[in-house]
Amino acid sequence: MPPLALAPLRHRPYATVFSAALVSNIGSWMQTVALGVVVTQATHNPLWTGLVAAAGFVPSGLLAPIGGALADRHNRKHWLLVTTLAEAVVALVLTLLYASGAATPLLAVLLSFAGGVAGAMGFPAYQALLPDLVPEEDLLSAVSLSSAQYNLGRVIGPALAGLLLVAAGPAWCFGVNAISFFAVVAALLSVSIPPPLRSAARGLIAELGEGIAVMRREVAVKTAFASIAVLGLLVAPFIALIPAMAIEGLGHHGHAGDVATSTLVTAQGIGAVIGALSVAGLAKRFGRARMIRRAALVASASLIAYGAANNTWTAALATALVGASYMAMLSGLMTVVQLRAPNALRARVVGLFMFALGTSYPIGALIQGALGAHFGVRRVTAIAAAIALLVVAIATTLWPKIVASLADPNVEAPAGGELAP
């Protein structure tokens, strides 16, 4: 019997998709870091750094619910193949633009948005496939392990991006990303996934309404949505602003800025991998609701330390802790949504969850980027984290029963609303 965190890898379909997604995410993080660096160095303005990151994430808020509805209506595997190929085309266009010297910050933002559109349309289908790849008892580990591979890509991708940016330029980062998407295509073609049970089509708006109805009647799902919206606005923007923190906040420029950005992103990724691999064991020991609550508190507190750091290595240690706690919280909330949504509606509910994150995160990145340009990115990051810490503390004190709804549906909370250890 493998360790709890690695149990999903016993199942060949999951292991195949997991491996391919890791390859693709390495490429995607190479592109993300390279775009952040070239735009920041071209503009020397944290607002542009936040803008290029937000452009890639805004579609998650606008289009993920539609992508979820379409994934529930069509064969999820086929839908994911189409959106993956679209992401490869965007990466290829970026490669050609930077190889020819025709790229501009505005084009980078527009193509980041185009890639975000393709990703937003496909991500709900990917998440909705997970319960079809593993049995229910391995689902939390599967969600957490998928988060771990995403963040392992965040560890490896930035390191490779830093090397390629110095040795060959950004076009190589984008070209590697374009090729990496074909690992996902090959994996999906090699696994057999049953199509979801679907009711008769009622029109896109009506189908989205069914997903909203699940969110409104399920207290746990509603709580997960509210939690990710608040933390997406206040905590998550630190990810988008890492290049600004490294270059403007810590004062590294030129190749030193490339190295500092890669160091911070890699440290955050290492922490996120550790957090994702630990979440199943922590949830089993403390209960999922308590684990999510504590992870949110730790993420907010450690982000204050990150904003206060005055050198790269102190900031790297702090961001590793932020990465671990933030990923534990996110994996826990995503699992709540997966377990409480009916199979036929799962992609729609996941899409709506991504709407909550995908709107709050880019808005937070733009606001914090704009404020950071005037007041300093370090100060703005620390203040936003302090507000998040206060919000979490108030919510868990005043509404413990609502927080306790995030527990496993088969575990009953005591009368006081607090989960037993």
Protein backbone atom coordinates (compact mmCIF):
# COMPACT_ATOMS: atom_id res chain seq x y z
CA MET A 1 0.00 0.00 0.00
CA PRO A 2 1.59 3.31 -1.06
CA PRO A 3 1.61 6.31 1.30
CA LEU A 4 -1.71 8.11 1.55
CA ALA A 5 -0.56 11.04 -0.55
CA LEU A 6 0.62 8.77 -3.39
CA ALA A 7 -2.29 6.30 -3.34
CA PRO A 8 -3.92 7.66 -6.56
CA LEU A 9 -0.83 6.65 -8.56
CA ARG A 10 -1.90 3.02 -8.10
CA HIS A 11 -4.52 3.67 -10.76
CA ARG A 12 -3.01 3.64 -14.27
CA PRO A 13 -5.36 6.21 -15.89
CA TYR A 14 -4.65 8.72 -13.14
CA ALA A 15 -0.90 8.03 -13.23
CA THR A 16 -0.85 8.56 -17.01
CA VAL A 17 -2.73 11.85 -16.92
CA PHE A 18 -0.74 12.98 -13.87
CA SER A 19 2.61 12.44 -15.64
CA ALA A 20 1.51 14.26 -18.79
CA ALA A 21 0.07 17.16 -16.82
CA LEU A 22 3.41 17.52 -14.99
CA VAL A 23 5.27 17.86 -18.30
CA SER A 24 2.74 20.42 -19.54
CA ASN A 25 2.82 22.42 -16.31
CA ILE A 26 6.61 22.65 -16.43
CA GLY A 27 6.24 24.27 -19.83
CA SER A 28 3.41 26.52 -18.67
CA TRP A 29 5.43 27.81 -15.72
CA MET A 30 8.39 28.46 -17.99
CA GLN A 31 6.10 30.64 -20.09
CA THR A 32 4.52 32.37 -17.07
CA VAL A 33 7.87 33.31 -15.55
CA ALA A 34 9.35 34.39 -18.87
CA LEU A 35 6.35 36.62 -19.63
CA GLY A 36 6.47 38.22 -16.19
CA VAL A 37 10.19 38.92 -16.51
CA VAL A 38 10.17 40.35 -20.04
CA VAL A 39 7.15 42.58 -19.36
CA THR A 40 8.56 43.84 -16.05
CA GLN A 41 11.97 44.55 -17.57
CA ALA A 42 10.38 46.30 -20.55
CA THR A 43 8.13 48.55 -18.44
CA HIS A 44 9.66 48.69 -14.92
CA ASN A 45 6.08 49.03 -13.65
CA PRO A 46 4.39 46.54 -11.25
CA LEU A 47 1.04 47.46 -12.79
CA TRP A 48 2.11 45.83 -16.08
CA THR A 49 3.35 42.79 -14.15
CA GLY A 50 -0.06 42.44 -12.53
CA LEU A 51 -1.76 43.12 -15.87
CA VAL A 52 -0.04 40.31 -17.78
CA ALA A 53 -0.74 37.86 -14.95
CA ALA A 54 -4.35 39.03 -14.62
CA ALA A 55 -4.88 38.72 -18.38
CA GLY A 56 -4.04 35.04 -18.15
CA PHE A 57 -6.35 34.51 -15.20
CA VAL A 58 -9.34 36.77 -15.95
CA PRO A 59 -10.83 34.20 -18.36
CA SER A 60 -11.01 31.73 -15.48
CA GLY A 61 -13.55 34.02 -13.89
CA LEU A 62 -15.43 34.89 -17.05
CA LEU A 63 -15.39 31.61 -18.94
CA ALA A 64 -14.78 28.73 -16.52
CA PRO A 65 -18.53 28.37 -15.78
CA ILE A 66 -19.23 28.21 -19.53
CA GLY A 67 -16.38 25.74 -19.98
CA GLY A 68 -17.87 23.65 -17.17
CA ALA A 69 -21.32 23.65 -18.76
CA LEU A 70 -19.87 22.65 -22.15
CA ALA A 71 -17.76 19.93 -20.51
CA ASP A 72 -20.91 18.49 -18.88
CA ARG A 73 -22.74 18.66 -22.21
CA HIS A 74 -19.99 17.02 -24.32
CA ASN A 75 -17.46 14.25 -23.82
CA ARG A 76 -15.09 15.75 -21.23
CA LYS A 77 -12.02 14.04 -22.65
CA HIS A 78 -12.68 15.28 -26.17
CA TRP A 79 -13.38 18.79 -24.91
CA LEU A 80 -10.09 18.82 -23.00
CA LEU A 81 -8.21 17.70 -26.12
CA VAL A 82 -9.58 20.67 -28.08
CA THR A 83 -8.72 23.26 -25.42
CA THR A 84 -5.23 21.81 -24.90
CA LEU A 85 -4.43 22.13 -28.60
CA ALA A 86 -5.68 25.74 -28.50
CA GLU A 87 -3.22 26.51 -25.68
CA ALA A 88 -0.42 25.00 -27.78
CA VAL A 89 -1.27 27.36 -30.65
CA VAL A 90 -1.07 30.42 -28.37
CA ALA A 91 2.36 29.33 -27.08
CA LEU A 92 3.54 28.85 -30.67
CA VAL A 93 2.46 32.39 -31.60
CA LEU A 94 4.37 33.77 -28.59
CA THR A 95 7.43 31.81 -29.72
CA LEU A 96 7.32 33.29 -33.20
CA LEU A 97 6.76 36.85 -31.96
CA TYR A 98 9.68 36.82 -29.53
CA ALA A 99 11.95 34.96 -31.96
CA SER A 100 11.31 37.64 -34.60
CA GLY A 101 11.60 40.59 -32.18
CA ALA A 102 8.06 41.75 -32.96
CA ALA A 103 6.66 41.29 -29.44
CA THR A 104 5.46 44.19 -27.28
CA PRO A 105 4.08 44.29 -23.71
CA LEU A 106 0.59 44.82 -25.11
CA LEU A 107 0.88 41.76 -27.37
CA ALA A 108 2.15 39.77 -24.41
CA VAL A 109 -0.94 40.75 -22.41
CA LEU A 110 -3.29 39.91 -25.30
CA LEU A 111 -1.73 36.49 -25.87
CA SER A 112 -1.69 35.81 -22.15
CA PHE A 113 -5.43 36.48 -22.27
CA ALA A 114 -5.90 34.15 -25.27
CA GLY A 115 -4.06 31.34 -23.47
CA GLY A 116 -6.15 32.01 -20.41
CA VAL A 117 -9.34 31.65 -22.48
CA ALA A 118 -8.29 28.20 -23.70
CA GLY A 119 -7.20 27.12 -20.22
CA ALA A 120 -10.40 28.41 -18.60
CA MET A 121 -12.55 26.49 -21.04
CA GLY A 122 -10.64 23.26 -20.41
CA PHE A 123 -9.79 23.32 -16.70
CA PRO A 124 -13.27 22.39 -15.39
CA ALA A 125 -13.22 19.33 -17.64
CA TYR A 126 -9.82 18.31 -16.26
CA GLN A 127 -10.96 18.67 -12.65
CA ALA A 128 -14.24 16.87 -13.37
CA LEU A 129 -12.29 13.93 -14.80
CA LEU A 130 -10.46 13.24 -11.53
CA PRO A 131 -13.31 11.36 -9.81
CA ASP A 132 -13.48 9.12 -12.91
CA LEU A 133 -9.77 8.25 -12.60
CA VAL A 134 -9.73 7.19 -8.91
CA PRO A 135 -12.20 5.75 -6.37
CA GLU A 136 -13.88 8.17 -3.94
CA GLU A 137 -11.62 7.26 -1.01
CA ASP A 138 -8.60 8.48 -3.02
CA LEU A 139 -10.20 11.69 -4.31
CA LEU A 140 -8.73 14.11 -1.75
CA SER A 141 -5.30 12.62 -2.37
CA ALA A 142 -5.90 12.83 -6.14
CA VAL A 143 -6.88 16.51 -5.96
CA SER A 144 -3.92 17.23 -3.67
CA LEU A 145 -1.49 15.26 -5.81
CA SER A 146 -2.70 17.09 -8.91
CA SER A 147 -1.99 20.33 -7.07
CA ALA A 148 1.43 18.93 -6.15
CA GLN A 149 2.32 18.16 -9.76
CA TYR A 150 1.11 21.63 -10.78
CA ASN A 151 3.44 23.13 -8.23
CA LEU A 152 6.26 20.72 -8.97
CA GLY A 153 6.02 22.28 -12.42
CA ARG A 154 6.31 25.60 -10.61
CA VAL A 155 9.59 24.37 -9.09
CA ILE A 156 11.13 22.94 -12.25
CA GLY A 157 9.67 25.39 -14.78
CA PRO A 158 11.04 28.62 -13.28
CA ALA A 159 14.47 27.05 -12.82
CA LEU A 160 14.54 26.05 -16.50
CA ALA A 161 13.09 29.44 -17.49
CA GLY A 162 15.86 31.23 -15.60
CA LEU A 163 18.50 29.20 -17.45
CA LEU A 164 16.90 29.63 -20.87
CA LEU A 165 16.23 33.35 -20.41
CA VAL A 166 19.91 33.93 -19.76
CA ALA A 167 21.27 31.43 -22.28
CA ALA A 168 18.83 31.68 -25.19
CA GLY A 169 16.04 34.21 -24.61
CA PRO A 170 12.29 34.03 -23.93
CA ALA A 171 11.33 32.49 -27.29
CA TRP A 172 12.84 29.18 -26.14
CA CYS A 173 10.65 29.20 -23.02
CA PHE A 174 7.53 29.69 -25.09
CA GLY A 175 8.60 27.06 -27.64
CA VAL A 176 9.16 24.41 -24.98
CA ASN A 177 5.71 25.18 -23.59
CA ALA A 178 4.10 24.72 -27.01
CA ILE A 179 5.66 21.26 -27.33
CA SER A 180 4.76 20.23 -23.77
CA PHE A 181 1.00 20.36 -24.43
CA PHE A 182 1.29 17.32 -26.68
CA ALA A 183 2.14 15.17 -23.65
CA VAL A 184 -1.42 15.82 -22.41
CA VAL A 185 -2.85 15.05 -25.84
CA ALA A 186 -1.03 11.69 -25.91
CA ALA A 187 -2.12 10.82 -22.36
CA LEU A 188 -5.79 11.59 -22.98
CA LEU A 189 -5.78 9.52 -26.16
CA SER A 190 -4.36 6.54 -24.24
CA VAL A 191 -6.94 6.35 -21.41
CA SER A 192 -10.57 5.28 -21.50
CA ILE A 193 -12.94 7.55 -19.56
CA PRO A 194 -16.71 6.93 -19.44
CA PRO A 195 -18.79 9.93 -20.57
CA PRO A 196 -20.78 11.56 -17.76
CA LEU A 197 -24.49 10.90 -17.33
CA ARG A 198 -26.26 13.92 -18.76
CA SER A 199 -29.80 15.16 -18.67
CA ALA A 200 -31.42 16.55 -21.78
CA ALA A 201 -29.87 19.83 -22.92
CA ARG A 202 -31.82 22.81 -21.58
CA GLY A 203 -29.75 25.62 -23.03
CA LEU A 204 -26.53 27.04 -21.69
CA ILE A 205 -28.12 29.55 -19.29
CA ALA A 206 -30.42 26.94 -17.79
CA GLU A 207 -27.53 24.51 -17.37
CA LEU A 208 -25.45 27.16 -15.60
CA GLY A 209 -28.46 27.82 -13.39
CA GLU A 210 -28.42 24.18 -12.29
CA GLY A 211 -24.83 24.58 -11.13
CA ILE A 212 -25.70 27.78 -9.27
CA ALA A 213 -28.58 25.95 -7.57
CA VAL A 214 -26.13 23.37 -6.19
CA MET A 215 -23.97 26.17 -4.80
CA ARG A 216 -26.96 27.92 -3.20
CA ARG A 217 -28.41 24.87 -1.46
CA GLU A 218 -25.13 23.30 -0.27
CA VAL A 219 -23.75 25.26 2.69
CA ALA A 220 -20.30 23.67 2.31
CA VAL A 221 -20.07 24.59 -1.38
CA LYS A 222 -21.24 28.14 -0.66
CA THR A 223 -18.63 28.43 2.12
CA ALA A 224 -15.89 27.16 -0.18
CA PHE A 225 -16.88 29.76 -2.78
CA ALA A 226 -16.83 32.62 -0.27
CA SER A 227 -13.50 31.47 1.19
CA ILE A 228 -11.69 31.29 -2.14
CA ALA A 229 -13.14 34.64 -3.26
CA VAL A 230 -11.80 36.48 -0.19
CA LEU A 231 -8.42 34.77 -0.16
CA GLY A 232 -8.13 35.07 -3.94
CA LEU A 233 -8.51 38.84 -3.59
CA LEU A 234 -6.14 39.32 -0.66
CA VAL A 235 -3.62 36.44 -0.63
CA ALA A 236 -3.32 34.90 -4.10
CA PRO A 237 -2.08 38.10 -5.88
CA PHE A 238 1.38 37.61 -4.37
CA ILE A 239 1.89 34.91 -7.03
CA ALA A 240 1.30 37.35 -9.90
CA LEU A 241 3.51 40.00 -8.30
CA ILE A 242 6.58 37.84 -7.64
CA PRO A 243 8.51 39.39 -10.57
CA ALA A 244 7.66 42.86 -9.23
CA MET A 245 8.73 41.82 -5.72
CA ALA A 246 12.05 40.48 -7.03
CA ILE A 247 12.86 43.34 -9.39
CA GLU A 248 11.21 46.41 -7.85
CA GLY A 249 10.63 45.37 -4.24
CA LEU A 250 14.02 43.78 -3.59
CA GLY A 251 15.95 45.90 -6.12
CA HIS A 252 17.34 43.22 -8.45
CA HIS A 253 17.70 44.19 -12.11
CA GLY A 254 19.02 42.62 -15.29
CA HIS A 255 20.07 38.96 -14.94
CA ALA A 256 19.89 39.36 -11.15
CA GLY A 257 16.18 40.06 -11.56
CA ASP A 258 15.77 36.86 -13.60
CA VAL A 259 17.53 34.83 -10.92
CA ALA A 260 15.64 36.43 -8.03
CA THR A 261 12.30 35.86 -9.78
CA SER A 262 13.12 32.20 -10.43
CA THR A 263 14.29 31.78 -6.82
CA LEU A 264 11.05 33.14 -5.36
CA VAL A 265 8.76 31.27 -7.75
CA THR A 266 10.70 28.05 -7.18
CA ALA A 267 10.58 28.47 -3.40
CA GLN A 268 6.84 29.06 -3.55
CA GLY A 269 6.48 25.98 -5.72
CA ILE A 270 8.52 23.79 -3.35
CA GLY A 271 6.31 24.91 -0.48
CA ALA A 272 3.18 24.24 -2.51
CA VAL A 273 4.35 20.70 -3.37
CA ILE A 274 5.01 19.99 0.31
CA GLY A 275 1.63 21.42 1.27
CA ALA A 276 -0.22 19.45 -1.40
CA LEU A 277 1.46 16.17 -0.43
CA SER A 278 0.71 16.80 3.26
CA VAL A 279 -2.93 17.81 2.95
CA ALA A 280 -4.47 14.32 2.92
CA GLY A 281 -2.62 13.30 6.07
CA LEU A 282 -3.41 16.59 7.80
CA ALA A 283 -7.09 16.31 6.90
CA LYS A 284 -7.20 12.75 8.21
CA ARG A 285 -5.58 13.80 11.49
CA PHE A 286 -7.36 17.09 12.18
CA GLY A 287 -10.44 16.98 9.97
CA ARG A 288 -10.73 18.80 6.68
CA ALA A 289 -12.52 21.88 8.09
CA ARG A 290 -9.91 22.49 10.77
CA MET A 291 -7.09 21.89 8.30
CA ILE A 292 -8.51 24.46 5.86
CA ARG A 293 -9.00 27.03 8.63
CA ARG A 294 -5.47 26.67 9.97
CA ALA A 295 -3.98 26.72 6.48
CA ALA A 296 -5.73 30.03 5.75
CA LEU A 297 -4.40 31.54 8.98
CA VAL A 298 -0.84 30.36 8.31
CA ALA A 299 -0.95 31.56 4.68
CA SER A 300 -2.00 35.06 5.77
CA ALA A 301 0.55 35.30 8.59
CA SER A 302 3.46 34.03 6.49
CA LEU A 303 2.55 36.42 3.66
CA ILE A 304 3.00 39.31 6.11
CA ALA A 305 6.54 38.02 6.71
CA TYR A 306 7.08 37.77 2.94
CA GLY A 307 6.10 41.42 2.47
CA ALA A 308 8.39 42.47 5.31
CA ALA A 309 11.42 40.55 3.98
CA ASN A 310 14.29 42.74 2.78
CA ASN A 311 16.41 40.15 0.95
CA THR A 312 15.82 37.32 -1.50
CA TRP A 313 16.54 34.40 0.82
CA THR A 314 14.32 35.62 3.64
CA ALA A 315 11.57 36.27 1.10
CA ALA A 316 12.11 32.78 -0.37
CA LEU A 317 11.69 31.10 3.03
CA ALA A 318 8.51 33.08 3.69
CA THR A 319 7.04 32.39 0.26
CA ALA A 320 7.71 28.66 0.66
CA LEU A 321 5.54 28.70 3.78
CA VAL A 322 2.89 30.73 1.98
CA GLY A 323 2.95 28.21 -0.87
CA ALA A 324 2.52 25.22 1.46
CA SER A 325 -0.37 26.67 3.44
CA TYR A 326 -2.15 28.26 0.48
CA MET A 327 -2.05 24.99 -1.48
CA ALA A 328 -3.35 22.98 1.47
CA MET A 329 -6.26 25.40 1.75
CA LEU A 330 -6.98 25.40 -1.99
CA SER A 331 -6.83 21.59 -2.28
CA GLY A 332 -9.18 21.23 0.67
CA LEU A 333 -11.71 23.68 -0.77
CA MET A 334 -11.59 22.08 -4.23
CA THR A 335 -12.23 18.66 -2.67
CA VAL A 336 -15.30 20.03 -0.86
CA VAL A 337 -16.67 21.19 -4.21
CA GLN A 338 -15.86 17.88 -5.94
CA LEU A 339 -17.50 15.74 -3.28
CA ARG A 340 -20.65 17.82 -2.82
CA ALA A 341 -21.45 18.29 -6.55
CA PRO A 342 -23.53 15.62 -8.37
CA ASN A 343 -21.57 13.85 -11.12
CA ALA A 344 -23.75 15.21 -13.93
CA LEU A 345 -23.19 18.77 -12.67
CA ARG A 346 -19.62 18.45 -11.42
CA ALA A 347 -17.86 20.37 -14.19
CA ARG A 348 -20.36 23.23 -13.89
CA VAL A 349 -19.88 23.54 -10.14
CA VAL A 350 -16.09 23.36 -10.57
CA GLY A 351 -16.37 26.05 -13.25
CA LEU A 352 -18.29 28.28 -10.87
CA PHE A 353 -15.65 27.70 -8.19
CA MET A 354 -13.03 28.79 -10.69
CA PHE A 355 -15.22 31.83 -11.41
CA ALA A 356 -14.90 32.84 -7.75
CA LEU A 357 -11.11 32.43 -7.81
CA GLY A 358 -10.71 33.63 -11.38
CA THR A 359 -12.41 36.95 -10.72
CA SER A 360 -11.03 37.70 -7.27
CA TYR A 361 -7.39 36.84 -8.08
CA PRO A 362 -6.92 39.09 -11.14
CA ILE A 363 -8.84 41.93 -9.51
CA GLY A 364 -6.59 41.59 -6.48
CA ALA A 365 -3.49 41.43 -8.70
CA LEU A 366 -4.50 44.62 -10.55
CA ILE A 367 -5.37 46.50 -7.37
CA GLN A 368 -2.25 45.41 -5.51
CA GLY A 369 -0.10 46.03 -8.60
CA ALA A 370 -1.47 49.56 -9.00
CA LEU A 371 -1.07 50.33 -5.29
CA GLY A 372 2.39 48.74 -5.33
CA ALA A 373 3.48 51.14 -8.08
CA HIS A 374 2.75 54.07 -5.73
CA PHE A 375 3.37 52.72 -2.22
CA GLY A 376 5.77 49.81 -2.83
CA VAL A 377 4.89 46.21 -3.57
CA ARG A 378 6.30 44.93 -0.26
CA ARG A 379 4.14 47.25 1.83
CA VAL A 380 0.97 46.55 -0.15
CA THR A 381 1.50 42.76 0.06
CA ALA A 382 1.92 42.89 3.84
CA ILE A 383 -1.17 45.07 4.37
CA ALA A 384 -3.36 42.84 2.19
CA ALA A 385 -2.15 39.79 4.11
CA ALA A 386 -2.92 41.47 7.44
CA ILE A 387 -6.48 42.16 6.26
CA ALA A 388 -6.83 38.51 5.21
CA LEU A 389 -5.61 37.33 8.61
CA LEU A 390 -8.20 39.53 10.32
CA VAL A 391 -11.04 38.32 8.06
CA VAL A 392 -10.21 34.64 8.66
CA ALA A 393 -9.92 35.15 12.41
CA ILE A 394 -13.29 36.94 12.57
CA ALA A 395 -15.07 34.37 10.38
CA THR A 396 -13.80 31.37 12.34
CA THR A 397 -14.72 33.05 15.65
CA LEU A 398 -18.21 34.29 14.75
CA TRP A 399 -19.40 31.49 12.44
CA PRO A 400 -17.77 28.21 13.58
CA LYS A 401 -20.67 26.05 12.34
CA ILE A 402 -20.34 27.42 8.82
CA VAL A 403 -16.60 26.74 8.85
CA ALA A 404 -17.31 23.23 10.17
CA SER A 405 -19.49 22.54 7.10
CA LEU A 406 -16.26 22.11 5.14
CA ALA A 407 -15.75 18.75 6.86
CA ASP A 408 -16.09 15.41 5.12
CA PRO A 409 -19.83 14.87 4.43
CA ASN A 410 -19.67 11.55 6.27
CA VAL A 411 -18.34 13.24 9.45
CA GLU A 412 -20.82 15.02 11.72
CA ALA A 413 -19.67 18.15 13.53
CA PRO A 414 -20.37 18.41 17.26
CA ALA A 415 -23.09 20.73 18.51
CA GLY A 416 -20.65 23.58 18.98
CA GLY A 417 -19.82 23.48 15.29
CA GLU A 418 -16.14 22.56 15.82
CA LEU A 419 -14.79 19.32 14.41
CA ALA A 420 -13.31 16.85 16.78
CA PRO A 421 -9.61 16.17 16.28
